Amino acid sequence: MKQTTSKPSSVQSLALPLLLAIAFVLLTLPTWQWLWGEWMGNDYYSHGILIVPLCLFLGYQRIRRDDAFAWRPGHNSLGGLLLLAVALALYLWFVNQRAWYLASFAMIGLIAGGVWLVGGSQAARTLAFPIGYLAFMVPLPLIERSTLPLALFTGVCSGAVVQFLGLDVTIVGNAVTLPNADLVIGAQCSGVNSLITLFALMTLLAYLLDGPLWARLLLVLLAVPLALLGNILRVSSLLFVARAWGADAAFVFYHDYSGFIFFIGVLLLIYPLSRMLGMRSLRANVI
């Protein structure tokens, strides 16, 4: 009479991942609640709600497309155990201090350590990008502090553009004086929304596109000048609209829709830029 051990071994192999998943959900629930509130209430990070399902999809595709991928519990997993322990200690400290954005980063470390411990070092390397990309879901407090300097920079550059094109305008700080209107370039004109979104998008494209490492890094860095350029041109056009049709037309109607239009214009530049950098096809093992 044969004795089969397939079921017990299967159950045992699932026990550790299941226990870690349950403990992770219970432990990190307050942080997820904070993140949800930020995604729903912080205009700069409204895209954060899309990051988690995107990372799950990228992870699934990475596992499915990588023929060499295999879950190897215990294979070089000491590093995973150490990472898990350090991330757990930091997470508990940050939660106790109500430093939620730091707790969110520590939570990502918990995920990485858990995958490394359960799946082995190969699984951790394979899923490194989908796990690391979760960082784009975390709101940073310094973002709101950067809106005023960026608004001032945008005002100076936009003023120079419209003056070069012949518009009579005076800019002092973030105050703009036109012959028919007095305007203030505030946080909404800083371009932070576009900068954050474009940086996340360019990082994703650098991961998906095939090309040399230097080209992919450069593509990510180009997010900053592209976002700034698009926003400067948008504010410049807003000043022309205000001069022609008044401040109400510029800020009540044009201001709300021009951001989307100029952002699409910036996105259209990505295709020729990526081809110039030699990135012309998708990586076969990631999508």
C-alpha atoms as a PDB file:
ATOM      1  CA  MET A   1       0.000   0.000   0.000  1.00  0.00           C
ATOM      2  CA  LYS A   2       1.503   3.346  -1.111  1.00  0.00           C
ATOM      3  CA  GLN A   3       1.578   6.372   1.097  1.00  0.00           C
ATOM      4  CA  THR A   4       1.272   9.721  -0.626  1.00  0.00           C
ATOM      5  CA  THR A   5       2.792  12.887   0.849  1.00  0.00           C
ATOM      6  CA  SER A   6       1.896  15.305  -1.947  1.00  0.00           C
ATOM      7  CA  LYS A   7      -0.972  16.991  -0.131  1.00  0.00           C
ATOM      8  CA  PRO A   8       0.779  17.546   3.201  1.00  0.00           C
ATOM      9  CA  SER A   9       3.866  18.900   1.428  1.00  0.00           C
ATOM     10  CA  SER A  10       1.683  21.191  -0.667  1.00  0.00           C
ATOM     11  CA  VAL A  11      -0.097  22.488   2.414  1.00  0.00           C
ATOM     12  CA  GLN A  12       3.174  22.993   4.221  1.00  0.00           C
ATOM     13  CA  SER A  13       4.611  24.923   1.278  1.00  0.00           C
ATOM     14  CA  LEU A  14       1.649  27.288   1.379  1.00  0.00           C
ATOM     15  CA  ALA A  15       1.606  27.716   5.147  1.00  0.00           C
ATOM     16  CA  LEU A  16       4.457  30.261   5.419  1.00  0.00           C
ATOM     17  CA  PRO A  17       3.288  32.514   2.532  1.00  0.00           C
ATOM     18  CA  LEU A  18      -0.267  32.438   3.848  1.00  0.00           C
ATOM     19  CA  LEU A  19       0.762  33.304   7.399  1.00  0.00           C
ATOM     20  CA  LEU A  20       3.021  36.111   6.164  1.00  0.00           C
ATOM     21  CA  ALA A  21       0.238  37.502   3.974  1.00  0.00           C
ATOM     22  CA  ILE A  22      -2.290  37.502   6.837  1.00  0.00           C
ATOM     23  CA  ALA A  23       0.208  39.102   9.226  1.00  0.00           C
ATOM     24  CA  PHE A  24       1.142  41.700   6.582  1.00  0.00           C
ATOM     25  CA  VAL A  25      -2.477  42.733   5.966  1.00  0.00           C
ATOM     26  CA  LEU A  26      -3.294  43.024   9.675  1.00  0.00           C
ATOM     27  CA  LEU A  27      -0.078  44.881  10.467  1.00  0.00           C
ATOM     28  CA  THR A  28      -0.181  47.364   7.582  1.00  0.00           C
ATOM     29  CA  LEU A  29      -3.921  48.118   7.528  1.00  0.00           C
ATOM     30  CA  PRO A  30      -3.495  51.559   9.205  1.00  0.00           C
ATOM     31  CA  THR A  31      -0.893  52.538   6.617  1.00  0.00           C
ATOM     32  CA  TRP A  32      -3.140  51.479   3.730  1.00  0.00           C
ATOM     33  CA  GLN A  33      -5.940  53.557   5.270  1.00  0.00           C
ATOM     34  CA  TRP A  34      -3.630  56.587   5.361  1.00  0.00           C
ATOM     35  CA  LEU A  35      -2.561  55.990   1.763  1.00  0.00           C
ATOM     36  CA  TRP A  36      -6.173  55.724   0.644  1.00  0.00           C
ATOM     37  CA  GLY A  37      -7.007  59.036   2.302  1.00  0.00           C
ATOM     38  CA  GLU A  38      -4.046  60.681   0.563  1.00  0.00           C
ATOM     39  CA  TRP A  39      -4.979  59.256  -2.839  1.00  0.00           C
ATOM     40  CA  MET A  40      -8.520  60.515  -2.449  1.00  0.00           C
ATOM     41  CA  GLY A  41      -7.629  63.935  -1.018  1.00  0.00           C
ATOM     42  CA  ASN A  42      -4.171  64.861  -2.334  1.00  0.00           C
ATOM     43  CA  ASP A  43      -4.333  66.127  -5.922  1.00  0.00           C
ATOM     44  CA  TYR A  44      -0.623  65.514  -6.383  1.00  0.00           C
ATOM     45  CA  TYR A  45      -0.987  61.783  -5.707  1.00  0.00           C
ATOM     46  CA  SER A  46      -4.403  60.895  -7.090  1.00  0.00           C
ATOM     47  CA  HIS A  47      -2.560  58.514  -9.443  1.00  0.00           C
ATOM     48  CA  GLY A  48      -1.418  56.470  -6.436  1.00  0.00           C
ATOM     49  CA  ILE A  49      -4.537  54.315  -6.519  1.00  0.00           C
ATOM     50  CA  LEU A  50      -3.390  52.944  -9.905  1.00  0.00           C
ATOM     51  CA  ILE A  51       0.095  51.945  -8.778  1.00  0.00           C
ATOM     52  CA  VAL A  52      -0.818  48.830  -6.767  1.00  0.00           C
ATOM     53  CA  PRO A  53      -2.834  47.073  -9.520  1.00  0.00           C
ATOM     54  CA  LEU A  54      -0.178  48.095 -12.052  1.00  0.00           C
ATOM     55  CA  CYS A  55       2.573  46.538  -9.922  1.00  0.00           C
ATOM     56  CA  LEU A  56       0.533  43.370  -9.465  1.00  0.00           C
ATOM     57  CA  PHE A  57       0.137  43.140 -13.241  1.00  0.00           C
ATOM     58  CA  LEU A  58       3.851  43.763 -13.840  1.00  0.00           C
ATOM     59  CA  GLY A  59       4.759  41.123 -11.263  1.00  0.00           C
ATOM     60  CA  TYR A  60       2.379  38.597 -12.816  1.00  0.00           C
ATOM     61  CA  GLN A  61       3.746  39.282 -16.297  1.00  0.00           C
ATOM     62  CA  ARG A  62       7.338  39.003 -15.064  1.00  0.00           C
ATOM     63  CA  ILE A  63       6.634  35.600 -13.531  1.00  0.00           C
ATOM     64  CA  ARG A  64       4.683  34.392 -16.549  1.00  0.00           C
ATOM     65  CA  ARG A  65       7.209  35.534 -19.165  1.00  0.00           C
ATOM     66  CA  ASP A  66      10.405  34.484 -17.390  1.00  0.00           C
ATOM     67  CA  ASP A  67      11.045  30.840 -18.311  1.00  0.00           C
ATOM     68  CA  ALA A  68      13.766  30.554 -15.678  1.00  0.00           C
ATOM     69  CA  PHE A  69      11.563  31.823 -12.853  1.00  0.00           C
ATOM     70  CA  ALA A  70      10.889  29.454  -9.971  1.00  0.00           C
ATOM     71  CA  TRP A  71       9.855  29.842  -6.342  1.00  0.00           C
ATOM     72  CA  ARG A  72      12.696  28.411  -4.265  1.00  0.00           C
ATOM     73  CA  PRO A  73      11.894  28.754  -0.563  1.00  0.00           C
ATOM     74  CA  GLY A  74      15.027  28.787   1.535  1.00  0.00           C
ATOM     75  CA  HIS A  75      17.356  29.409  -1.433  1.00  0.00           C
ATOM     76  CA  ASN A  76      19.735  32.172  -0.285  1.00  0.00           C
ATOM     77  CA  SER A  77      16.904  33.485   1.912  1.00  0.00           C
ATOM     78  CA  LEU A  78      18.994  34.677   4.843  1.00  0.00           C
ATOM     79  CA  GLY A  79      19.152  38.122   3.268  1.00  0.00           C
ATOM     80  CA  GLY A  80      15.371  38.106   2.987  1.00  0.00           C
ATOM     81  CA  LEU A  81      15.033  37.291   6.667  1.00  0.00           C
ATOM     82  CA  LEU A  82      17.379  40.129   7.607  1.00  0.00           C
ATOM     83  CA  LEU A  83      15.569  42.577   5.316  1.00  0.00           C
ATOM     84  CA  LEU A  84      12.233  41.509   6.743  1.00  0.00           C
ATOM     85  CA  ALA A  85      13.468  42.002  10.313  1.00  0.00           C
ATOM     86  CA  VAL A  86      14.945  45.455   9.619  1.00  0.00           C
ATOM     87  CA  ALA A  87      11.877  46.592   7.656  1.00  0.00           C
ATOM     88  CA  LEU A  88       9.574  45.357  10.423  1.00  0.00           C
ATOM     89  CA  ALA A  89      11.511  47.236  13.109  1.00  0.00           C
ATOM     90  CA  LEU A  90      11.493  50.433  11.044  1.00  0.00           C
ATOM     91  CA  TYR A  91       7.827  50.039  10.182  1.00  0.00           C
ATOM     92  CA  LEU A  92       6.780  49.669  13.824  1.00  0.00           C
ATOM     93  CA  TRP A  93       8.901  52.687  14.793  1.00  0.00           C
ATOM     94  CA  PHE A  94       7.494  54.892  12.026  1.00  0.00           C
ATOM     95  CA  VAL A  95       3.916  53.885  12.783  1.00  0.00           C
ATOM     96  CA  ASN A  96       4.461  54.682  16.453  1.00  0.00           C
ATOM     97  CA  GLN A  97       5.776  58.106  15.410  1.00  0.00           C
ATOM     98  CA  ARG A  98       2.857  58.590  12.974  1.00  0.00           C
ATOM     99  CA  ALA A  99       5.390  59.084  10.171  1.00  0.00           C
ATOM    100  CA  TRP A 100       3.072  57.469   7.652  1.00  0.00           C
ATOM    101  CA  TYR A 101       5.032  58.157   4.490  1.00  0.00           C
ATOM    102  CA  LEU A 102       8.145  56.567   6.032  1.00  0.00           C
ATOM    103  CA  ALA A 103       6.010  53.691   7.279  1.00  0.00           C
ATOM    104  CA  SER A 104       4.818  53.230   3.687  1.00  0.00           C
ATOM    105  CA  PHE A 105       8.387  52.851   2.446  1.00  0.00           C
ATOM    106  CA  ALA A 106       9.141  50.410   5.269  1.00  0.00           C
ATOM    107  CA  MET A 107       6.028  48.495   4.215  1.00  0.00           C
ATOM    108  CA  ILE A 108       7.501  48.123   0.725  1.00  0.00           C
ATOM    109  CA  GLY A 109      10.609  46.735   2.418  1.00  0.00           C
ATOM    110  CA  LEU A 110       8.381  44.203   4.187  1.00  0.00           C
ATOM    111  CA  ILE A 111       7.013  43.083   0.831  1.00  0.00           C
ATOM    112  CA  ALA A 112      10.510  42.720  -0.627  1.00  0.00           C
ATOM    113  CA  GLY A 113      11.753  40.813   2.416  1.00  0.00           C
ATOM    114  CA  GLY A 114       8.716  38.539   2.393  1.00  0.00           C
ATOM    115  CA  VAL A 115       9.148  37.685  -1.303  1.00  0.00           C
ATOM    116  CA  TRP A 116      12.863  37.043  -0.776  1.00  0.00           C
ATOM    117  CA  LEU A 117      12.195  34.811   2.233  1.00  0.00           C
ATOM    118  CA  VAL A 118       9.356  32.845   0.650  1.00  0.00           C
ATOM    119  CA  GLY A 119      10.560  32.660  -2.945  1.00  0.00           C
ATOM    120  CA  GLY A 120      14.327  32.842  -2.684  1.00  0.00           C
ATOM    121  CA  SER A 121      16.833  35.344  -4.035  1.00  0.00           C
ATOM    122  CA  GLN A 122      15.936  34.667  -7.683  1.00  0.00           C
ATOM    123  CA  ALA A 123      12.288  35.550  -7.069  1.00  0.00           C
ATOM    124  CA  ALA A 124      13.360  38.732  -5.266  1.00  0.00           C
ATOM    125  CA  ARG A 125      15.540  39.796  -8.212  1.00  0.00           C
ATOM    126  CA  THR A 126      12.838  38.980 -10.743  1.00  0.00           C
ATOM    127  CA  LEU A 127      10.192  40.990  -8.895  1.00  0.00           C
ATOM    128  CA  ALA A 128      12.496  43.820  -7.812  1.00  0.00           C
ATOM    129  CA  PHE A 129      11.058  46.405 -10.196  1.00  0.00           C
ATOM    130  CA  PRO A 130       7.330  45.714  -9.557  1.00  0.00           C
ATOM    131  CA  ILE A 131       8.018  45.903  -5.820  1.00  0.00           C
ATOM    132  CA  GLY A 132      10.219  48.989  -6.059  1.00  0.00           C
ATOM    133  CA  TYR A 133       7.727  50.768  -8.313  1.00  0.00           C
ATOM    134  CA  LEU A 134       5.320  50.814  -5.357  1.00  0.00           C
ATOM    135  CA  ALA A 135       7.361  53.786  -4.106  1.00  0.00           C
ATOM    136  CA  PHE A 136       5.466  55.972  -6.581  1.00  0.00           C
ATOM    137  CA  MET A 137       2.265  55.436  -4.592  1.00  0.00           C
ATOM    138  CA  VAL A 138       3.718  57.114  -1.472  1.00  0.00           C
ATOM    139  CA  PRO A 139       2.993  60.853  -1.032  1.00  0.00           C
ATOM    140  CA  LEU A 140       6.074  62.826  -0.022  1.00  0.00           C
ATOM    141  CA  PRO A 141       5.710  65.851   2.296  1.00  0.00           C
ATOM    142  CA  LEU A 142       8.453  67.762   0.483  1.00  0.00           C
ATOM    143  CA  ILE A 143       6.311  67.862  -2.670  1.00  0.00           C
ATOM    144  CA  GLU A 144       3.964  70.509  -1.288  1.00  0.00           C
ATOM    145  CA  ARG A 145       6.938  72.516  -0.034  1.00  0.00           C
ATOM    146  CA  SER A 146       8.357  72.599  -3.552  1.00  0.00           C
ATOM    147  CA  THR A 147       5.258  74.130  -5.150  1.00  0.00           C
ATOM    148  CA  LEU A 148       6.129  77.755  -4.323  1.00  0.00           C
ATOM    149  CA  PRO A 149       9.741  77.620  -5.620  1.00  0.00           C
ATOM    150  CA  LEU A 150       8.530  75.853  -8.779  1.00  0.00           C
ATOM    151  CA  ALA A 151       5.738  78.409  -9.212  1.00  0.00           C
ATOM    152  CA  LEU A 152       8.277  81.239  -8.909  1.00  0.00           C
ATOM    153  CA  PHE A 153      10.578  79.530 -11.407  1.00  0.00           C
ATOM    154  CA  THR A 154       7.671  78.998 -13.800  1.00  0.00           C
ATOM    155  CA  GLY A 155       6.637  82.638 -13.466  1.00  0.00           C
ATOM    156  CA  VAL A 156      10.106  83.956 -14.273  1.00  0.00           C
ATOM    157  CA  CYS A 157      10.561  81.638 -17.266  1.00  0.00           C
ATOM    158  CA  SER A 158       7.039  82.219 -18.609  1.00  0.00           C
ATOM    159  CA  GLY A 159       7.499  85.964 -18.239  1.00  0.00           C
ATOM    160  CA  ALA A 160      10.719  85.808 -20.220  1.00  0.00           C
ATOM    161  CA  VAL A 161       8.993  83.807 -22.968  1.00  0.00           C
ATOM    162  CA  VAL A 162       6.029  86.169 -23.363  1.00  0.00           C
ATOM    163  CA  GLN A 163       8.258  89.256 -23.157  1.00  0.00           C
ATOM    164  CA  PHE A 164      10.423  87.816 -25.925  1.00  0.00           C
ATOM    165  CA  LEU A 165       7.243  87.330 -27.979  1.00  0.00           C
ATOM    166  CA  GLY A 166       6.306  90.982 -27.449  1.00  0.00           C
ATOM    167  CA  LEU A 167       3.766  90.835 -24.585  1.00  0.00           C
ATOM    168  CA  ASP A 168       3.833  93.754 -22.157  1.00  0.00           C
ATOM    169  CA  VAL A 169       4.126  92.042 -18.750  1.00  0.00           C
ATOM    170  CA  THR A 170       5.820  92.688 -15.419  1.00  0.00           C
ATOM    171  CA  ILE A 171       6.625  89.860 -13.004  1.00  0.00           C
ATOM    172  CA  VAL A 172       7.688  90.408  -9.400  1.00  0.00           C
ATOM    173  CA  GLY A 173       7.964  87.150  -7.449  1.00  0.00           C
ATOM    174  CA  ASN A 174       4.805  85.235  -8.312  1.00  0.00           C
ATOM    175  CA  ALA A 175       2.801  88.407  -9.071  1.00  0.00           C
ATOM    176  CA  VAL A 176       2.127  89.087 -12.751  1.00  0.00           C
ATOM    177  CA  THR A 177       0.982  92.466 -14.018  1.00  0.00           C
ATOM    178  CA  LEU A 178      -0.605  92.800 -17.446  1.00  0.00           C
ATOM    179  CA  PRO A 179      -2.056  96.007 -18.880  1.00  0.00           C
ATOM    180  CA  ASN A 180      -5.566  94.682 -18.261  1.00  0.00           C
ATOM    181  CA  ALA A 181      -5.129  92.251 -15.347  1.00  0.00           C
ATOM    182  CA  ASP A 182      -3.167  91.444 -12.199  1.00  0.00           C
ATOM    183  CA  LEU A 183      -2.462  87.730 -11.733  1.00  0.00           C
ATOM    184  CA  VAL A 184      -0.780  85.504  -9.174  1.00  0.00           C
ATOM    185  CA  ILE A 185       1.044  82.335 -10.194  1.00  0.00           C
ATOM    186  CA  GLY A 186       0.156  79.957  -7.369  1.00  0.00           C
ATOM    187  CA  ALA A 187       0.714  76.320  -6.471  1.00  0.00           C
ATOM    188  CA  GLN A 188      -1.642  75.117  -9.197  1.00  0.00           C
ATOM    189  CA  CYS A 189       0.712  76.594 -11.788  1.00  0.00           C
ATOM    190  CA  SER A 190       3.832  74.973 -10.316  1.00  0.00           C
ATOM    191  CA  GLY A 191       3.606  71.909 -12.572  1.00  0.00           C
ATOM    192  CA  VAL A 192       4.161  69.490  -9.684  1.00  0.00           C
ATOM    193  CA  ASN A 193       1.275  67.277 -10.816  1.00  0.00           C
ATOM    194  CA  SER A 194       2.786  66.867 -14.269  1.00  0.00           C
ATOM    195  CA  LEU A 195       6.277  66.342 -12.867  1.00  0.00           C
ATOM    196  CA  ILE A 196       5.238  63.518 -10.517  1.00  0.00           C
ATOM    197  CA  THR A 197       3.069  61.782 -13.101  1.00  0.00           C
ATOM    198  CA  LEU A 198       5.617  62.102 -15.897  1.00  0.00           C
ATOM    199  CA  PHE A 199       8.454  60.844 -13.695  1.00  0.00           C
ATOM    200  CA  ALA A 200       6.427  57.752 -12.796  1.00  0.00           C
ATOM    201  CA  LEU A 201       5.480  57.198 -16.429  1.00  0.00           C
ATOM    202  CA  MET A 202       9.033  57.604 -17.748  1.00  0.00           C
ATOM    203  CA  THR A 203      10.327  55.158 -15.123  1.00  0.00           C
ATOM    204  CA  LEU A 204       7.740  52.633 -16.260  1.00  0.00           C
ATOM    205  CA  LEU A 205       8.692  53.120 -19.920  1.00  0.00           C
ATOM    206  CA  ALA A 206      12.384  52.741 -19.098  1.00  0.00           C
ATOM    207  CA  TYR A 207      11.530  49.363 -17.572  1.00  0.00           C
ATOM    208  CA  LEU A 208       9.329  48.218 -20.451  1.00  0.00           C
ATOM    209  CA  LEU A 209      11.487  49.356 -23.391  1.00  0.00           C
ATOM    210  CA  ASP A 210      14.514  47.476 -24.617  1.00  0.00           C
ATOM    211  CA  GLY A 211      17.715  49.480 -24.795  1.00  0.00           C
ATOM    212  CA  PRO A 212      21.054  50.186 -23.106  1.00  0.00           C
ATOM    213  CA  LEU A 213      21.047  51.064 -19.427  1.00  0.00           C
ATOM    214  CA  TRP A 214      22.365  54.593 -20.020  1.00  0.00           C
ATOM    215  CA  ALA A 215      19.501  55.307 -22.439  1.00  0.00           C
ATOM    216  CA  ARG A 216      16.879  54.098 -19.993  1.00  0.00           C
ATOM    217  CA  LEU A 217      18.352  56.203 -17.184  1.00  0.00           C
ATOM    218  CA  LEU A 218      18.457  59.243 -19.448  1.00  0.00           C
ATOM    219  CA  LEU A 219      14.830  58.695 -20.422  1.00  0.00           C
ATOM    220  CA  VAL A 220      13.849  58.834 -16.742  1.00  0.00           C
ATOM    221  CA  LEU A 221      15.883  62.004 -16.159  1.00  0.00           C
ATOM    222  CA  LEU A 222      14.258  63.673 -19.161  1.00  0.00           C
ATOM    223  CA  ALA A 223      10.976  63.679 -17.227  1.00  0.00           C
ATOM    224  CA  VAL A 224      12.135  66.762 -15.296  1.00  0.00           C
ATOM    225  CA  PRO A 225      12.954  69.119 -18.218  1.00  0.00           C
ATOM    226  CA  LEU A 226       9.952  67.878 -20.217  1.00  0.00           C
ATOM    227  CA  ALA A 227       7.524  68.535 -17.353  1.00  0.00           C
ATOM    228  CA  LEU A 228       9.044  71.968 -16.683  1.00  0.00           C
ATOM    229  CA  LEU A 229       8.992  72.882 -20.366  1.00  0.00           C
ATOM    230  CA  GLY A 230       5.360  71.853 -20.798  1.00  0.00           C
ATOM    231  CA  ASN A 231       4.309  73.828 -17.742  1.00  0.00           C
ATOM    232  CA  ILE A 232       6.244  76.957 -18.766  1.00  0.00           C
ATOM    233  CA  LEU A 233       4.601  76.895 -22.194  1.00  0.00           C
ATOM    234  CA  ARG A 234       1.191  76.384 -20.603  1.00  0.00           C
ATOM    235  CA  VAL A 235       1.570  79.367 -18.268  1.00  0.00           C
ATOM    236  CA  SER A 236       2.934  81.455 -21.138  1.00  0.00           C
ATOM    237  CA  SER A 237      -0.142  80.678 -23.209  1.00  0.00           C
ATOM    238  CA  LEU A 238      -2.321  81.477 -20.186  1.00  0.00           C
ATOM    239  CA  LEU A 239      -0.781  84.954 -20.007  1.00  0.00           C
ATOM    240  CA  PHE A 240      -1.601  85.536 -23.662  1.00  0.00           C
ATOM    241  CA  VAL A 241      -5.199  84.427 -23.056  1.00  0.00           C
ATOM    242  CA  ALA A 242      -5.447  86.759 -20.048  1.00  0.00           C
ATOM    243  CA  ARG A 243      -4.100  89.648 -22.102  1.00  0.00           C
ATOM    244  CA  ALA A 244      -6.530  89.008 -24.963  1.00  0.00           C
ATOM    245  CA  TRP A 245      -9.719  88.053 -23.117  1.00  0.00           C
ATOM    246  CA  GLY A 246      -9.133  88.942 -19.472  1.00  0.00           C
ATOM    247  CA  ALA A 247      -8.236  87.138 -16.258  1.00  0.00           C
ATOM    248  CA  ASP A 248     -11.627  85.431 -15.938  1.00  0.00           C
ATOM    249  CA  ALA A 249     -11.299  83.713 -19.310  1.00  0.00           C
ATOM    250  CA  ALA A 250      -7.755  82.641 -18.481  1.00  0.00           C
ATOM    251  CA  PHE A 251      -8.406  81.194 -15.032  1.00  0.00           C
ATOM    252  CA  VAL A 252     -12.051  80.125 -15.118  1.00  0.00           C
ATOM    253  CA  PHE A 253     -11.948  78.190 -18.388  1.00  0.00           C
ATOM    254  CA  TYR A 254      -8.511  77.976 -19.991  1.00  0.00           C
ATOM    255  CA  HIS A 255      -6.574  77.179 -16.815  1.00  0.00           C
ATOM    256  CA  ASP A 256      -8.600  74.038 -16.097  1.00  0.00           C
ATOM    257  CA  TYR A 257      -8.219  72.458 -19.535  1.00  0.00           C
ATOM    258  CA  SER A 258      -4.852  73.672 -20.772  1.00  0.00           C
ATOM    259  CA  GLY A 259      -2.900  71.491 -18.330  1.00  0.00           C
ATOM    260  CA  PHE A 260      -4.273  68.321 -19.895  1.00  0.00           C
ATOM    261  CA  ILE A 261      -3.633  69.554 -23.433  1.00  0.00           C
ATOM    262  CA  PHE A 262       0.000  70.479 -22.790  1.00  0.00           C
ATOM    263  CA  PHE A 263       0.594  67.237 -20.870  1.00  0.00           C
ATOM    264  CA  ILE A 264      -0.599  65.283 -23.927  1.00  0.00           C
ATOM    265  CA  GLY A 265       1.793  67.369 -26.010  1.00  0.00           C
ATOM    266  CA  VAL A 266       4.676  66.377 -23.747  1.00  0.00           C
ATOM    267  CA  LEU A 267       3.665  62.716 -23.978  1.00  0.00           C
ATOM    268  CA  LEU A 268       3.809  62.912 -27.759  1.00  0.00           C
ATOM    269  CA  LEU A 269       7.483  63.868 -27.482  1.00  0.00           C
ATOM    270  CA  ILE A 270       8.328  60.639 -25.665  1.00  0.00           C
ATOM    271  CA  TYR A 271       8.046  58.465 -28.777  1.00  0.00           C
ATOM    272  CA  PRO A 272      10.649  60.300 -30.891  1.00  0.00           C
ATOM    273  CA  LEU A 273      12.900  60.756 -27.857  1.00  0.00           C
ATOM    274  CA  SER A 274      12.854  57.036 -27.044  1.00  0.00           C
ATOM    275  CA  ARG A 275      13.650  56.161 -30.659  1.00  0.00           C
ATOM    276  CA  MET A 276      16.525  58.649 -30.693  1.00  0.00           C
ATOM    277  CA  LEU A 277      17.909  56.859 -27.625  1.00  0.00           C
ATOM    278  CA  GLY A 278      17.724  53.504 -29.422  1.00  0.00           C
ATOM    279  CA  MET A 279      14.727  52.217 -27.444  1.00  0.00           C
ATOM    280  CA  ARG A 280      12.449  50.975 -30.184  1.00  0.00           C
ATOM    281  CA  SER A 281      10.832  47.797 -28.891  1.00  0.00           C
ATOM    282  CA  LEU A 282       9.374  46.273 -25.728  1.00  0.00           C
ATOM    283  CA  ARG A 283      11.450  43.906 -23.630  1.00  0.00           C
ATOM    284  CA  ALA A 284      10.194  40.410 -24.357  1.00  0.00           C
ATOM    285  CA  ASN A 285      10.327  39.114 -20.775  1.00  0.00           C
ATOM    286  CA  VAL A 286       8.419  41.886 -18.993  1.00  0.00           C
ATOM    287  CA  ILE A 287       5.125  42.354 -20.825  1.00  0.00           C
END
